[in-house]
């Protein structure tokens, strides 16, 4: 019975640690990818694509 409790505790602690790592990664990885250099659209299709992508941001 003692070995079963130890395995159960280890599984719970391992699951919590695994979840904690992904929670930290969610805060560490930035969601806004437009902080870098934004290149100017070259053609008409790129201008349309750029305007559709940034429709709500202007």
N, C-alpha and C. Protein backbone atom coordinates (compact mmCIF):
# COMPACT_ATOMS: atom_id res chain seq x y z
N UNK A 1 0.82 -1.19 0.00
CA UNK A 1 0.00 0.00 0.00
C UNK A 1 0.87 1.26 0.00
N UNK A 2 2.00 1.23 0.67
CA UNK A 2 2.89 2.38 0.72
C UNK A 2 3.48 2.71 -0.63
N UNK A 3 3.79 1.67 -1.41
CA UNK A 3 4.36 1.90 -2.74
C UNK A 3 3.33 2.54 -3.67
N UNK A 4 2.08 2.15 -3.53
CA UNK A 4 1.02 2.72 -4.34
C UNK A 4 0.83 4.21 -4.02
N UNK A 5 0.87 4.57 -2.76
CA UNK A 5 0.73 5.98 -2.37
C UNK A 5 1.90 6.80 -2.89
N UNK A 6 3.10 6.25 -2.84
CA UNK A 6 4.27 6.95 -3.35
C UNK A 6 4.15 7.19 -4.84
N UNK A 7 3.72 6.17 -5.59
CA UNK A 7 3.54 6.34 -7.03
C UNK A 7 2.46 7.37 -7.33
N UNK A 8 1.39 7.36 -6.56
CA UNK A 8 0.31 8.31 -6.76
C UNK A 8 0.79 9.74 -6.50
N UNK A 9 1.54 9.93 -5.45
CA UNK A 9 2.07 11.26 -5.13
C UNK A 9 3.04 11.72 -6.21
N UNK A 10 3.90 10.81 -6.68
CA UNK A 10 4.84 11.17 -7.74
C UNK A 10 4.15 11.53 -9.04
N UNK A 11 3.07 10.83 -9.37
CA UNK A 11 2.32 11.13 -10.58
C UNK A 11 1.66 12.51 -10.46
N UNK A 12 1.10 12.80 -9.30
CA UNK A 12 0.45 14.10 -9.10
C UNK A 12 1.48 15.23 -9.16
N UNK A 13 2.60 15.07 -8.48
CA UNK A 13 3.64 16.10 -8.48
C UNK A 13 4.22 16.26 -9.88
N UNK A 14 4.42 15.17 -10.58
CA UNK A 14 4.93 15.24 -11.96
C UNK A 14 3.96 15.96 -12.88
N UNK A 15 2.69 15.68 -12.74
CA UNK A 15 1.67 16.36 -13.54
C UNK A 15 1.62 17.85 -13.26
N UNK A 16 1.72 18.21 -12.00
CA UNK A 16 1.72 19.63 -11.64
C UNK A 16 2.97 20.34 -12.19
N UNK A 17 4.11 19.70 -12.09
CA UNK A 17 5.34 20.30 -12.61
C UNK A 17 5.27 20.45 -14.13
N UNK A 18 4.75 19.44 -14.81
CA UNK A 18 4.61 19.47 -16.26
C UNK A 18 3.67 20.60 -16.68
N UNK A 19 2.56 20.75 -15.97
CA UNK A 19 1.61 21.83 -16.26
C UNK A 19 2.23 23.19 -15.98
N UNK A 20 2.99 23.30 -14.91
CA UNK A 20 3.62 24.56 -14.54
C UNK A 20 4.60 25.02 -15.61
N UNK A 21 5.32 24.08 -16.20
CA UNK A 21 6.27 24.43 -17.27
C UNK A 21 5.52 25.03 -18.45
N UNK A 22 4.40 24.44 -18.85
CA UNK A 22 3.66 24.96 -19.98
C UNK A 22 2.97 26.28 -19.66
N UNK A 23 2.56 26.48 -18.42
CA UNK A 23 2.00 27.77 -18.03
C UNK A 23 3.08 28.85 -18.11
N UNK A 24 4.29 28.54 -17.66
CA UNK A 24 5.38 29.50 -17.76
C UNK A 24 5.72 29.80 -19.22
N UNK A 25 5.71 28.79 -20.06
CA UNK A 25 5.99 29.00 -21.48
C UNK A 25 4.92 29.87 -22.14
N UNK A 26 3.68 29.75 -21.70
CA UNK A 26 2.60 30.56 -22.26
C UNK A 26 2.85 32.04 -21.99
N UNK A 27 3.42 32.36 -20.84
CA UNK A 27 3.70 33.75 -20.52
C UNK A 27 5.03 34.22 -21.13
N UNK A 28 5.95 33.31 -21.35
CA UNK A 28 7.27 33.69 -21.84
C UNK A 28 7.28 33.90 -23.35
N UNK A 29 6.47 33.17 -24.09
CA UNK A 29 6.45 33.29 -25.54
C UNK A 29 5.50 34.42 -25.92
N UNK A 30 5.98 35.44 -26.62
CA UNK A 30 5.12 36.57 -26.97
C UNK A 30 4.10 36.18 -28.05
N UNK A 31 2.91 36.72 -27.93
CA UNK A 31 1.87 36.44 -28.92
C UNK A 31 1.92 37.44 -30.07
N UNK A 32 2.36 38.66 -29.79
CA UNK A 32 2.41 39.68 -30.81
C UNK A 32 3.69 39.52 -31.63
N UNK A 33 3.54 39.05 -32.85
CA UNK A 33 4.71 38.78 -33.68
C UNK A 33 5.06 39.95 -34.58
N UNK A 34 4.37 41.08 -34.47
CA UNK A 34 4.63 42.22 -35.33
C UNK A 34 5.56 43.22 -34.68
N UNK A 35 6.30 42.85 -33.68
CA UNK A 35 7.23 43.76 -33.03
C UNK A 35 8.49 43.95 -33.85
N UNK A 36 8.75 43.02 -34.73
CA UNK A 36 9.96 43.10 -35.54
C UNK A 36 9.77 44.04 -36.71
N UNK A 37 10.64 43.94 -37.66
CA UNK A 37 10.61 44.77 -38.85
C UNK A 37 9.47 44.36 -39.76
N UNK A 38 8.63 45.32 -40.13
CA UNK A 38 7.52 45.05 -41.04
C UNK A 38 7.93 45.53 -42.42
N UNK A 39 8.00 44.60 -43.36
CA UNK A 39 8.42 44.99 -44.70
C UNK A 39 7.24 45.58 -45.47
N UNK A 40 7.55 46.47 -46.39
CA UNK A 40 6.55 47.14 -47.20
C UNK A 40 6.05 46.16 -48.26
N UNK A 41 4.72 46.09 -48.45
CA UNK A 41 4.19 45.20 -49.50
C UNK A 41 4.69 45.61 -50.88
N UNK A 42 5.07 44.62 -51.69
CA UNK A 42 5.65 44.89 -53.01
C UNK A 42 4.58 45.02 -54.09
N UNK A 43 3.66 44.08 -54.12
CA UNK A 43 2.68 44.07 -55.20
C UNK A 43 1.27 44.31 -54.69
N UNK A 44 0.33 44.24 -55.62
CA UNK A 44 -1.08 44.48 -55.28
C UNK A 44 -1.61 43.39 -54.36
N UNK A 45 -1.26 42.14 -54.64
CA UNK A 45 -1.75 41.05 -53.80
C UNK A 45 -1.22 41.14 -52.38
N UNK A 46 0.04 41.55 -52.23
CA UNK A 46 0.61 41.71 -50.89
C UNK A 46 -0.05 42.88 -50.16
N UNK A 47 -0.39 43.95 -50.88
CA UNK A 47 -1.07 45.08 -50.25
C UNK A 47 -2.46 44.68 -49.77
N UNK A 48 -3.18 43.91 -50.58
CA UNK A 48 -4.51 43.44 -50.18
C UNK A 48 -4.41 42.51 -48.98
N UNK A 49 -3.45 41.59 -49.02
CA UNK A 49 -3.25 40.67 -47.91
C UNK A 49 -2.89 41.41 -46.64
N UNK A 50 -2.01 42.41 -46.75
CA UNK A 50 -1.59 43.20 -45.60
C UNK A 50 -2.78 43.98 -45.02
N UNK A 51 -3.61 44.55 -45.90
CA UNK A 51 -4.74 45.33 -45.41
C UNK A 51 -5.79 44.43 -44.75
N UNK A 52 -5.99 43.22 -45.28
CA UNK A 52 -6.95 42.29 -44.66
C UNK A 52 -6.44 41.78 -43.31
N UNK A 53 -5.13 41.54 -43.22
CA UNK A 53 -4.54 41.04 -41.99
C UNK A 53 -4.59 42.09 -40.88
N UNK A 54 -4.41 43.34 -41.23
CA UNK A 54 -4.33 44.42 -40.25
C UNK A 54 -5.59 45.28 -40.25
N UNK A 55 -6.72 44.70 -40.60
CA UNK A 55 -7.96 45.45 -40.72
C UNK A 55 -8.38 46.09 -39.41
N UNK A 56 -8.36 45.37 -38.33
CA UNK A 56 -8.80 45.90 -37.05
C UNK A 56 -7.73 46.66 -36.29
N UNK A 57 -6.51 46.66 -36.76
CA UNK A 57 -5.42 47.29 -36.02
C UNK A 57 -5.19 48.75 -36.40
N UNK A 58 -5.77 49.18 -37.52
CA UNK A 58 -5.55 50.57 -37.98
C UNK A 58 -6.53 51.52 -37.34
